Amino acid sequence: TASRALVLHESAVHPLTVDAAAASGQEVVVVVGPEGGIADDELAAF
């Protein structure tokens, strides 16, 4: 349901960026994993 959905992950290729114009009036959802990291099946579901 989010306008922009982001998952913080150490192996991600892309840096976190949010365009100011595109984000205006929108909703950004960020997922933060546990100490042991996000499991592969969870990352795939997201």
PDB file of all heavy atoms in Angstrom:
ATOM      1  N   THR A   1       0.816  -1.224   0.000  1.00  0.00           N
ATOM      2  CA  THR A   1       0.000   0.000   0.000  1.00  0.00           C
ATOM      3  C   THR A   1       0.847   1.271   0.000  1.00  0.00           C
ATOM      4  O   THR A   1       0.306   2.371  -0.113  1.00  0.00           O
ATOM      5  CB  THR A   1      -0.920   0.026   1.230  1.00  0.00           C
ATOM      6  OG1 THR A   1      -0.135   0.183   2.426  1.00  0.00           O
ATOM      7  CG2 THR A   1      -1.726  -1.268   1.337  1.00  0.00           C
ATOM      8  N   ALA A   2       2.163   1.138   0.158  1.00  0.00           N
ATOM      9  CA  ALA A   2       3.038   2.310   0.276  1.00  0.00           C
ATOM     10  C   ALA A   2       3.343   2.922  -1.087  1.00  0.00           C
ATOM     11  O   ALA A   2       3.400   2.225  -2.107  1.00  0.00           O
ATOM     12  CB  ALA A   2       4.343   1.910   0.957  1.00  0.00           C
ATOM     13  N   SER A   3       3.555   4.220  -1.090  1.00  0.00           N
ATOM     14  CA  SER A   3       4.006   4.889  -2.304  1.00  0.00           C
ATOM     15  C   SER A   3       5.431   4.477  -2.640  1.00  0.00           C
ATOM     16  O   SER A   3       5.796   4.328  -3.809  1.00  0.00           O
ATOM     17  CB  SER A   3       3.946   6.409  -2.124  1.00  0.00           C
ATOM     18  OG  SER A   3       2.670   6.811  -1.688  1.00  0.00           O
ATOM     19  N   ARG A   4       6.243   4.319  -1.601  1.00  0.00           N
ATOM     20  CA  ARG A   4       7.624   3.869  -1.758  1.00  0.00           C
ATOM     21  C   ARG A   4       7.952   2.940  -0.600  1.00  0.00           C
ATOM     22  O   ARG A   4       7.797   3.330   0.557  1.00  0.00           O
ATOM     23  CB  ARG A   4       8.571   5.073  -1.769  1.00  0.00           C
ATOM     24  CG  ARG A   4      10.034   4.735  -2.034  1.00  0.00           C
ATOM     25  CD  ARG A   4      10.316   4.589  -3.513  1.00  0.00           C
ATOM     26  NE  ARG A   4      11.663   4.125  -3.763  1.00  0.00           N
ATOM     27  CZ  ARG A   4      12.746   4.927  -3.785  1.00  0.00           C
ATOM     28  NH1 ARG A   4      12.604   6.230  -3.576  1.00  0.00           N
ATOM     29  NH2 ARG A   4      13.930   4.433  -4.039  1.00  0.00           N
ATOM     30  N   ALA A   5       8.365   1.719  -0.906  1.00  0.00           N
ATOM     31  CA  ALA A   5       8.690   0.725   0.115  1.00  0.00           C
ATOM     32  C   ALA A   5      10.159   0.365   0.002  1.00  0.00           C
ATOM     33  O   ALA A   5      10.639   0.002  -1.081  1.00  0.00           O
ATOM     34  CB  ALA A   5       7.819  -0.514  -0.055  1.00  0.00           C
ATOM     35  N   LEU A   6      10.875   0.464   1.118  1.00  0.00           N
ATOM     36  CA  LEU A   6      12.312   0.232   1.141  1.00  0.00           C
ATOM     37  C   LEU A   6      12.660  -0.768   2.236  1.00  0.00           C
ATOM     38  O   LEU A   6      12.089  -0.730   3.322  1.00  0.00           O
ATOM     39  CB  LEU A   6      13.060   1.545   1.404  1.00  0.00           C
ATOM     40  CG  LEU A   6      12.737   2.723   0.484  1.00  0.00           C
ATOM     41  CD1 LEU A   6      13.363   3.994   1.026  1.00  0.00           C
ATOM     42  CD2 LEU A   6      13.218   2.444  -0.932  1.00  0.00           C
ATOM     43  N   VAL A   7      13.600  -1.650   1.946  1.00  0.00           N
ATOM     44  CA  VAL A   7      14.092  -2.610   2.930  1.00  0.00           C
ATOM     45  C   VAL A   7      15.581  -2.378   3.115  1.00  0.00           C
ATOM     46  O   VAL A   7      16.356  -2.466   2.146  1.00  0.00           O
ATOM     47  CB  VAL A   7      13.854  -4.064   2.479  1.00  0.00           C
ATOM     48  CG1 VAL A   7      14.370  -5.034   3.537  1.00  0.00           C
ATOM     49  CG2 VAL A   7      12.380  -4.310   2.214  1.00  0.00           C
ATOM     50  N   LEU A   8      15.999  -2.057   4.327  1.00  0.00           N
ATOM     51  CA  LEU A   8      17.419  -1.852   4.588  1.00  0.00           C
ATOM     52  C   LEU A   8      18.114  -3.211   4.623  1.00  0.00           C
ATOM     53  O   LEU A   8      17.741  -4.087   5.401  1.00  0.00           O
ATOM     54  CB  LEU A   8      17.619  -1.126   5.918  1.00  0.00           C
ATOM     55  CG  LEU A   8      16.914   0.227   6.066  1.00  0.00           C
ATOM     56  CD1 LEU A   8      17.281   0.853   7.408  1.00  0.00           C
ATOM     57  CD2 LEU A   8      17.255   1.170   4.934  1.00  0.00           C
ATOM     58  N   HIS A   9      19.129  -3.353   3.768  1.00  0.00           N
ATOM     59  CA  HIS A   9      19.822  -4.643   3.686  1.00  0.00           C
ATOM     60  C   HIS A   9      21.272  -4.409   3.303  1.00  0.00           C
ATOM     61  O   HIS A   9      21.565  -3.657   2.361  1.00  0.00           O
ATOM     62  CB  HIS A   9      19.142  -5.549   2.666  1.00  0.00           C
ATOM     63  CG  HIS A   9      19.479  -7.002   2.834  1.00  0.00           C
ATOM     64  ND1 HIS A   9      20.588  -7.580   2.268  1.00  0.00           N
ATOM     65  CD2 HIS A   9      18.851  -7.980   3.538  1.00  0.00           C
ATOM     66  CE1 HIS A   9      20.627  -8.865   2.606  1.00  0.00           C
ATOM     67  NE2 HIS A   9      19.590  -9.134   3.366  1.00  0.00           N
ATOM     68  N   GLU A  10      22.174  -5.067   4.008  1.00  0.00           N
ATOM     69  CA  GLU A  10      23.598  -4.813   3.812  1.00  0.00           C
ATOM     70  C   GLU A  10      24.110  -5.234   2.442  1.00  0.00           C
ATOM     71  O   GLU A  10      25.102  -4.680   1.953  1.00  0.00           O
ATOM     72  CB  GLU A  10      24.409  -5.546   4.884  1.00  0.00           C
ATOM     73  CG  GLU A  10      24.231  -7.050   4.870  1.00  0.00           C
ATOM     74  CD  GLU A  10      24.915  -7.727   6.044  1.00  0.00           C
ATOM     75  OE1 GLU A  10      26.112  -8.027   5.924  1.00  0.00           O
ATOM     76  OE2 GLU A  10      24.255  -7.937   7.063  1.00  0.00           O
ATOM     77  N   SER A  11      23.442  -6.176   1.780  1.00  0.00           N
ATOM     78  CA  SER A  11      23.901  -6.642   0.470  1.00  0.00           C
ATOM     79  C   SER A  11      23.214  -5.935  -0.686  1.00  0.00           C
ATOM     80  O   SER A  11      23.435  -6.291  -1.851  1.00  0.00           O
ATOM     81  CB  SER A  11      23.689  -8.155   0.340  1.00  0.00           C
ATOM     82  OG  SER A  11      22.303  -8.463   0.380  1.00  0.00           O
ATOM     83  N   ALA A  12      22.381  -4.929  -0.385  1.00  0.00           N
ATOM     84  CA  ALA A  12      21.680  -4.209  -1.444  1.00  0.00           C
ATOM     85  C   ALA A  12      22.670  -3.462  -2.331  1.00  0.00           C
ATOM     86  O   ALA A  12      23.716  -2.993  -1.882  1.00  0.00           O
ATOM     87  CB  ALA A  12      20.678  -3.236  -0.843  1.00  0.00           C
ATOM     88  N   VAL A  13      22.334  -3.360  -3.610  1.00  0.00           N
ATOM     89  CA  VAL A  13      23.195  -2.674  -4.579  1.00  0.00           C
ATOM     90  C   VAL A  13      22.944  -1.170  -4.565  1.00  0.00           C
ATOM     91  O   VAL A  13      23.874  -0.365  -4.658  1.00  0.00           O
ATOM     92  CB  VAL A  13      22.962  -3.238  -5.996  1.00  0.00           C
ATOM     93  CG1 VAL A  13      23.755  -2.444  -7.024  1.00  0.00           C
ATOM     94  CG2 VAL A  13      23.319  -4.717  -6.043  1.00  0.00           C
ATOM     95  N   HIS A  14      21.698  -0.784  -4.424  1.00  0.00           N
ATOM     96  CA  HIS A  14      21.333   0.627  -4.559  1.00  0.00           C
ATOM     97  C   HIS A  14      21.358   1.344  -3.209  1.00  0.00           C
ATOM     98  O   HIS A  14      20.905   0.792  -2.199  1.00  0.00           O
ATOM     99  CB  HIS A  14      19.935   0.754  -5.170  1.00  0.00           C
ATOM    100  CG  HIS A  14      19.810   0.129  -6.522  1.00  0.00           C
ATOM    101  ND1 HIS A  14      20.375   0.678  -7.646  1.00  0.00           N
ATOM    102  CD2 HIS A  14      19.205  -1.022  -6.921  1.00  0.00           C
ATOM    103  CE1 HIS A  14      20.114  -0.085  -8.681  1.00  0.00           C
ATOM    104  NE2 HIS A  14      19.409  -1.127  -8.273  1.00  0.00           N
ATOM    105  N   PRO A  15      21.843   2.576  -3.171  1.00  0.00           N
ATOM    106  CA  PRO A  15      21.798   3.378  -1.938  1.00  0.00           C
ATOM    107  C   PRO A  15      20.388   3.901  -1.702  1.00  0.00           C
ATOM    108  O   PRO A  15      19.561   3.955  -2.630  1.00  0.00           O
ATOM    109  CB  PRO A  15      22.772   4.525  -2.226  1.00  0.00           C
ATOM    110  CG  PRO A  15      22.701   4.689  -3.719  1.00  0.00           C
ATOM    111  CD  PRO A  15      22.511   3.299  -4.264  1.00  0.00           C
ATOM    112  N   LEU A  16      20.103   4.288  -0.475  1.00  0.00           N
ATOM    113  CA  LEU A  16      18.797   4.833  -0.143  1.00  0.00           C
ATOM    114  C   LEU A  16      18.675   6.232  -0.731  1.00  0.00           C
ATOM    115  O   LEU A  16      19.449   7.131  -0.387  1.00  0.00           O
ATOM    116  CB  LEU A  16      18.613   4.884   1.372  1.00  0.00           C
ATOM    117  CG  LEU A  16      17.212   5.225   1.896  1.00  0.00           C
ATOM    118  CD1 LEU A  16      17.066   4.734   3.325  1.00  0.00           C
ATOM    119  CD2 LEU A  16      16.909   6.711   1.847  1.00  0.00           C
ATOM    120  N   THR A  17      17.695   6.426  -1.596  1.00  0.00           N
ATOM    121  CA  THR A  17      17.406   7.743  -2.164  1.00  0.00           C
ATOM    122  C   THR A  17      15.895   7.907  -2.254  1.00  0.00           C
ATOM    123  O   THR A  17      15.171   6.954  -2.536  1.00  0.00           O
ATOM    124  CB  THR A  17      18.007   7.928  -3.568  1.00  0.00           C
ATOM    125  OG1 THR A  17      17.498   6.917  -4.446  1.00  0.00           O
ATOM    126  CG2 THR A  17      19.529   7.846  -3.523  1.00  0.00           C
ATOM    127  N   VAL A  18      15.430   9.110  -2.003  1.00  0.00           N
ATOM    128  CA  VAL A  18      14.013   9.433  -2.144  1.00  0.00           C
ATOM    129  C   VAL A  18      13.924  10.790  -2.814  1.00  0.00           C
ATOM    130  O   VAL A  18      14.412  11.785  -2.282  1.00  0.00           O
ATOM    131  CB  VAL A  18      13.292   9.474  -0.777  1.00  0.00           C
ATOM    132  CG1 VAL A  18      11.849   9.925  -0.950  1.00  0.00           C
ATOM    133  CG2 VAL A  18      13.341   8.111  -0.115  1.00  0.00           C
ATOM    134  N   ASP A  19      13.324  10.828  -3.988  1.00  0.00           N
ATOM    135  CA  ASP A  19      13.191  12.082  -4.712  1.00  0.00           C
ATOM    136  C   ASP A  19      12.202  12.986  -3.988  1.00  0.00           C
ATOM    137  O   ASP A  19      11.071  12.591  -3.696  1.00  0.00           O
ATOM    138  CB  ASP A  19      12.715  11.822  -6.139  1.00  0.00           C
ATOM    139  CG  ASP A  19      12.574  13.108  -6.927  1.00  0.00           C
ATOM    140  OD1 ASP A  19      13.606  13.672  -7.334  1.00  0.00           O
ATOM    141  OD2 ASP A  19      11.435  13.561  -7.113  1.00  0.00           O
ATOM    142  N   ALA A  20      12.611  14.194  -3.705  1.00  0.00           N
ATOM    143  CA  ALA A  20      11.784  15.115  -2.923  1.00  0.00           C
ATOM    144  C   ALA A  20      10.460  15.429  -3.621  1.00  0.00           C
ATOM    145  O   ALA A  20       9.407  15.454  -2.994  1.00  0.00           O
ATOM    146  CB  ALA A  20      12.548  16.403  -2.658  1.00  0.00           C
ATOM    147  N   ALA A  21      10.500  15.672  -4.920  1.00  0.00           N
ATOM    148  CA  ALA A  21       9.284  16.016  -5.651  1.00  0.00           C
ATOM    149  C   ALA A  21       8.322  14.835  -5.695  1.00  0.00           C
ATOM    150  O   ALA A  21       7.121  14.965  -5.478  1.00  0.00           O
ATOM    151  CB  ALA A  21       9.631  16.480  -7.059  1.00  0.00           C
ATOM    152  N   ALA A  22       8.860  13.644  -5.953  1.00  0.00           N
ATOM    153  CA  ALA A  22       8.017  12.455  -6.056  1.00  0.00           C
ATOM    154  C   ALA A  22       7.436  12.069  -4.713  1.00  0.00           C
ATOM    155  O   ALA A  22       6.347  11.505  -4.620  1.00  0.00           O
ATOM    156  CB  ALA A  22       8.812  11.294  -6.633  1.00  0.00           C
ATOM    157  N   ALA A  23       8.161  12.371  -3.623  1.00  0.00           N
ATOM    158  CA  ALA A  23       7.732  11.961  -2.288  1.00  0.00           C
ATOM    159  C   ALA A  23       6.691  12.893  -1.685  1.00  0.00           C
ATOM    160  O   ALA A  23       6.049  12.536  -0.708  1.00  0.00           O
ATOM    161  CB  ALA A  23       8.942  11.891  -1.362  1.00  0.00           C
ATOM    162  N   SER A  24       6.520  14.085  -2.255  1.00  0.00           N
ATOM    163  CA  SER A  24       5.584  15.046  -1.690  1.00  0.00           C
ATOM    164  C   SER A  24       4.169  14.476  -1.672  1.00  0.00           C
ATOM    165  O   SER A  24       3.648  14.043  -2.692  1.00  0.00           O
ATOM    166  CB  SER A  24       5.616  16.343  -2.496  1.00  0.00           C
ATOM    167  OG  SER A  24       4.687  17.277  -1.980  1.00  0.00           O
ATOM    168  N   GLY A  25       3.546  14.474  -0.496  1.00  0.00           N
ATOM    169  CA  GLY A  25       2.197  13.962  -0.370  1.00  0.00           C
ATOM    170  C   GLY A  25       2.108  12.454  -0.389  1.00  0.00           C
ATOM    171  O   GLY A  25       1.011  11.900  -0.433  1.00  0.00           O
ATOM    172  N   GLN A  26       3.235  11.765  -0.350  1.00  0.00           N
ATOM    173  CA  GLN A  26       3.248  10.312  -0.435  1.00  0.00           C
ATOM    174  C   GLN A  26       3.645   9.694   0.904  1.00  0.00           C
ATOM    175  O   GLN A  26       3.886  10.392   1.885  1.00  0.00           O
ATOM    176  CB  GLN A  26       4.227   9.860  -1.532  1.00  0.00           C
ATOM    177  CG  GLN A  26       3.946  10.446  -2.897  1.00  0.00           C
ATOM    178  CD  GLN A  26       2.584  10.018  -3.450  1.00  0.00           C
ATOM    179  OE1 GLN A  26       2.266   8.840  -3.451  1.00  0.00           O
ATOM    180  NE2 GLN A  26       1.795  10.979  -3.885  1.00  0.00           N
ATOM    181  N   GLU A  27       3.724   8.372   0.907  1.00  0.00           N
ATOM    182  CA  GLU A  27       4.099   7.633   2.108  1.00  0.00           C
ATOM    183  C   GLU A  27       5.290   6.741   1.812  1.00  0.00           C
ATOM    184  O   GLU A  27       5.290   5.990   0.837  1.00  0.00           O
ATOM    185  CB  GLU A  27       2.924   6.780   2.583  1.00  0.00           C
ATOM    186  CG  GLU A  27       3.224   5.966   3.831  1.00  0.00           C
ATOM    187  CD  GLU A  27       2.055   5.115   4.253  1.00  0.00           C
ATOM    188  OE1 GLU A  27       1.809   4.072   3.614  1.00  0.00           O
ATOM    189  OE2 GLU A  27       1.374   5.505   5.233  1.00  0.00           O
ATOM    190  N   VAL A  28       6.308   6.834   2.656  1.00  0.00           N
ATOM    191  CA  VAL A  28       7.505   6.006   2.518  1.00  0.00           C
ATOM    192  C   VAL A  28       7.548   5.047   3.693  1.00  0.00           C
ATOM    193  O   VAL A  28       7.487   5.465   4.849  1.00  0.00           O
ATOM    194  CB  VAL A  28       8.784   6.865   2.490  1.00  0.00           C
ATOM    195  CG1 VAL A  28      10.012   5.976   2.348  1.00  0.00           C
ATOM    196  CG2 VAL A  28       8.721   7.877   1.353  1.00  0.00           C
ATOM    197  N   VAL A  29       7.651   3.747   3.395  1.00  0.00           N
ATOM    198  CA  VAL A  29       7.732   2.725   4.434  1.00  0.00           C
ATOM    199  C   VAL A  29       9.116   2.087   4.379  1.00  0.00           C
ATOM    200  O   VAL A  29       9.570   1.665   3.314  1.00  0.00           O
ATOM    201  CB  VAL A  29       6.654   1.637   4.251  1.00  0.00           C
ATOM    202  CG1 VAL A  29       6.778   0.580   5.352  1.00  0.00           C
ATOM    203  CG2 VAL A  29       5.260   2.255   4.275  1.00  0.00           C
ATOM    204  N   VAL A  30       9.784   2.043   5.521  1.00  0.00           N
ATOM    205  CA  VAL A  30      11.137   1.486   5.626  1.00  0.00           C
ATOM    206  C   VAL A  30      11.103   0.277   6.558  1.00  0.00           C
ATOM    207  O   VAL A  30      10.555   0.365   7.661  1.00  0.00           O
ATOM    208  CB  VAL A  30      12.131   2.530   6.164  1.00  0.00           C
ATOM    209  CG1 VAL A  30      13.524   1.925   6.295  1.00  0.00           C
ATOM    210  CG2 VAL A  30      12.158   3.761   5.270  1.00  0.00           C
ATOM    211  N   VAL A  31      11.693  -0.822   6.117  1.00  0.00           N
ATOM    212  CA  VAL A  31      11.762  -2.033   6.942  1.00  0.00           C
ATOM    213  C   VAL A  31      13.156  -2.157   7.540  1.00  0.00           C
ATOM    214  O   VAL A  31      14.160  -2.098   6.816  1.00  0.00           O
ATOM    215  CB  VAL A  31      11.446  -3.289   6.117  1.00  0.00           C
ATOM    216  CG1 VAL A  31      11.569  -4.542   6.993  1.00  0.00           C
ATOM    217  CG2 VAL A  31      10.052  -3.195   5.506  1.00  0.00           C
ATOM    218  N   VAL A  32      13.213  -2.334   8.853  1.00  0.00           N
ATOM    219  CA  VAL A  32      14.467  -2.519   9.578  1.00  0.00           C
ATOM    220  C   VAL A  32      14.481  -3.924  10.167  1.00  0.00           C
ATOM    221  O   VAL A  32      13.580  -4.286  10.929  1.00  0.00           O
ATOM    222  CB  VAL A  32      14.627  -1.482  10.704  1.00  0.00           C
ATOM    223  CG1 VAL A  32      15.941  -1.702  11.442  1.00  0.00           C
ATOM    224  CG2 VAL A  32      14.559  -0.070  10.143  1.00  0.00           C
ATOM    225  N   GLY A  33      15.485  -4.698   9.828  1.00  0.00           N
ATOM    226  CA  GLY A  33      15.558  -6.073  10.281  1.00  0.00           C
ATOM    227  C   GLY A  33      16.102  -6.232  11.683  1.00  0.00           C
ATOM    228  O   GLY A  33      16.541  -5.261  12.315  1.00  0.00           O
ATOM    229  N   PRO A  34      16.114  -7.478  12.193  1.00  0.00           N
ATOM    230  CA  PRO A  34      16.615  -7.765  13.548  1.00  0.00           C
ATOM    231  C   PRO A  34      18.134  -7.881  13.569  1.00  0.00           C
ATOM    232  O   PRO A  34      18.791  -7.747  12.527  1.00  0.00           O
ATOM    233  CB  PRO A  34      15.951  -9.101  13.873  1.00  0.00           C
ATOM    234  CG  PRO A  34      15.865  -9.773  12.537  1.00  0.00           C
ATOM    235  CD  PRO A  34      15.572  -8.680  11.545  1.00  0.00           C
ATOM    236  N   GLU A  35      18.679  -8.158  14.746  1.00  0.00           N
ATOM    237  CA  GLU A  35      20.132  -8.269  14.883  1.00  0.00           C
ATOM    238  C   GLU A  35      20.714  -9.341  13.967  1.00  0.00           C
ATOM    239  O   GLU A  35      21.803  -9.180  13.422  1.00  0.00           O
ATOM    240  CB  GLU A  35      20.502  -8.606  16.337  1.00  0.00           C
ATOM    241  CG  GLU A  35      20.123  -7.555  17.347  1.00  0.00           C
ATOM    242  CD  GLU A  35      18.796  -7.842  18.012  1.00  0.00           C
ATOM    243  OE1 GLU A  35      17.898  -8.395  17.344  1.00  0.00           O
ATOM    244  OE2 GLU A  35      18.641  -7.515  19.202  1.00  0.00           O
ATOM    245  N   GLY A  36      19.979 -10.438  13.785  1.00  0.00           N
ATOM    246  CA  GLY A  36      20.469 -11.526  12.947  1.00  0.00           C
ATOM    247  C   GLY A  36      20.252 -11.326  11.464  1.00  0.00           C
ATOM    248  O   GLY A  36      20.628 -12.184  10.652  1.00  0.00           O
ATOM    249  N   GLY A  37      19.662 -10.216  11.084  1.00  0.00           N
ATOM    250  CA  GLY A  37      19.437  -9.929   9.676  1.00  0.00           C
ATOM    251  C   GLY A  37      18.094 -10.445   9.177  1.00  0.00           C
ATOM    252  O   GLY A  37      17.418 -11.247   9.829  1.00  0.00           O
ATOM    253  N   ILE A  38      17.713  -9.978   8.013  1.00  0.00           N
ATOM    254  CA  ILE A  38      16.457 -10.396   7.388  1.00  0.00           C
ATOM    255  C   ILE A  38      16.690 -11.711   6.645  1.00  0.00           C
ATOM    256  O   ILE A  38      17.625 -11.828   5.857  1.00  0.00           O
ATOM    257  CB  ILE A  38      15.953  -9.310   6.415  1.00  0.00           C
ATOM    258  CG1 ILE A  38      15.677  -8.012   7.183  1.00  0.00           C
ATOM    259  CG2 ILE A  38      14.692  -9.775   5.690  1.00  0.00           C
ATOM    260  CD1 ILE A  38      15.292  -6.847   6.296  1.00  0.00           C
ATOM    261  N   ALA A  39      15.853 -12.693   6.904  1.00  0.00           N
ATOM    262  CA  ALA A  39      15.988 -13.997   6.264  1.00  0.00           C
ATOM    263  C   ALA A  39      15.676 -13.893   4.766  1.00  0.00           C
ATOM    264  O   ALA A  39      14.946 -12.996   4.325  1.00  0.00           O
ATOM    265  CB  ALA A  39      15.051 -15.006   6.924  1.00  0.00           C
ATOM    266  N   ASP A  40      16.223 -14.830   3.993  1.00  0.00           N
ATOM    267  CA  ASP A  40      16.042 -14.798   2.537  1.00  0.00           C
ATOM    268  C   ASP A  40      14.574 -14.865   2.142  1.00  0.00           C
ATOM    269  O   ASP A  40      14.144 -14.160   1.210  1.00  0.00           O
ATOM    270  CB  ASP A  40      16.811 -15.954   1.890  1.00  0.00           C
ATOM    271  CG  ASP A  40      18.324 -15.775   1.973  1.00  0.00           C
ATOM    272  OD1 ASP A  40      18.772 -14.640   2.226  1.00  0.00           O
ATOM    273  OD2 ASP A  40      19.049 -16.777   1.793  1.00  0.00           O
ATOM    274  N   ASP A  41      13.785 -15.710   2.829  1.00  0.00           N
ATOM    275  CA  ASP A  41      12.370 -15.820   2.461  1.00  0.00           C
ATOM    276  C   ASP A  41      11.610 -14.539   2.803  1.00  0.00           C
ATOM    277  O   ASP A  41      10.675 -14.148   2.092  1.00  0.00           O
ATOM    278  CB  ASP A  41      11.734 -17.034   3.123  1.00  0.00           C
ATOM    279  CG  ASP A  41      11.793 -16.985   4.643  1.00  0.00           C
ATOM    280  OD1 ASP A  41      12.711 -16.346   5.192  1.00  0.00           O
ATOM    281  OD2 ASP A  41      10.904 -17.588   5.289  1.00  0.00           O
ATOM    282  N   GLU A  42      12.017 -13.857   3.869  1.00  0.00           N
ATOM    283  CA  GLU A  42      11.390 -12.584   4.216  1.00  0.00           C
ATOM    284  C   GLU A  42      11.730 -11.523   3.179  1.00  0.00           C
ATOM    285  O   GLU A  42      10.856 -10.764   2.728  1.00  0.00           O
ATOM    286  CB  GLU A  42      11.861 -12.140   5.605  1.00  0.00           C
ATOM    287  CG  GLU A  42      11.377 -13.039   6.732  1.00  0.00           C
ATOM    288  CD  GLU A  42      12.048 -12.766   8.056  1.00  0.00           C
ATOM    289  OE1 GLU A  42      13.180 -12.231   8.059  1.00  0.00           O
ATOM    290  OE2 GLU A  42      11.452 -13.077   9.110  1.00  0.00           O
ATOM    291  N   LEU A  43      12.993 -11.479   2.780  1.00  0.00           N
ATOM    292  CA  LEU A  43      13.416 -10.510   1.772  1.00  0.00           C
ATOM    293  C   LEU A  43      12.683 -10.756   0.458  1.00  0.00           C
ATOM    294  O   LEU A  43      12.257  -9.802  -0.212  1.00  0.00           O
ATOM    295  CB  LEU A  43      14.928 -10.602   1.561  1.00  0.00           C
ATOM    296  CG  LEU A  43      15.565  -9.504   0.704  1.00  0.00           C
ATOM    297  CD1 LEU A  43      15.368  -8.136   1.364  1.00  0.00           C
ATOM    298  CD2 LEU A  43      17.059  -9.786   0.508  1.00  0.00           C
ATOM    299  N   ALA A  44      12.500 -12.018   0.105  1.00  0.00           N
ATOM    300  CA  ALA A  44      11.788 -12.359  -1.128  1.00  0.00           C
ATOM    301  C   ALA A  44      10.326 -11.930  -1.042  1.00  0.00           C
ATOM    302  O   ALA A  44       9.751 -11.419  -2.024  1.00  0.00           O
ATOM    303  CB  ALA A  44      11.895 -13.859  -1.392  1.00  0.00           C
ATOM    304  N   ALA A  45       9.707 -12.123   0.123  1.00  0.00           N
ATOM    305  CA  ALA A  45       8.306 -11.723   0.288  1.00  0.00           C
ATOM    306  C   ALA A  45       8.149 -10.215   0.165  1.00  0.00           C
ATOM    307  O   ALA A  45       7.190  -9.723  -0.444  1.00  0.00           O
ATOM    308  CB  ALA A  45       7.794 -12.198   1.652  1.00  0.00           C
ATOM    309  N   PHE A  46       9.100  -9.474   0.711  1.00  0.00           N
ATOM    310  CA  PHE A  46       9.029  -8.020   0.636  1.00  0.00           C
ATOM    311  C   PHE A  46       9.273  -7.536  -0.798  1.00  0.00           C
ATOM    312  O   PHE A  46       8.635  -6.583  -1.258  1.00  0.00           O
ATOM    313  CB  PHE A  46      10.037  -7.395   1.594  1.00  0.00           C
ATOM    314  CG  PHE A  46       9.789  -7.734   3.042  1.00  0.00           C
ATOM    315  CD1 PHE A  46      10.818  -7.668   3.978  1.00  0.00           C
ATOM    316  CD2 PHE A  46       8.526  -8.121   3.476  1.00  0.00           C
ATOM    317  CE1 PHE A  46      10.585  -7.973   5.309  1.00  0.00           C
ATOM    318  CE2 PHE A  46       8.282  -8.431   4.814  1.00  0.00           C
ATOM    319  CZ  PHE A  46       9.320  -8.366   5.726  1.00  0.00           C
TER     320      PHE A  46
END
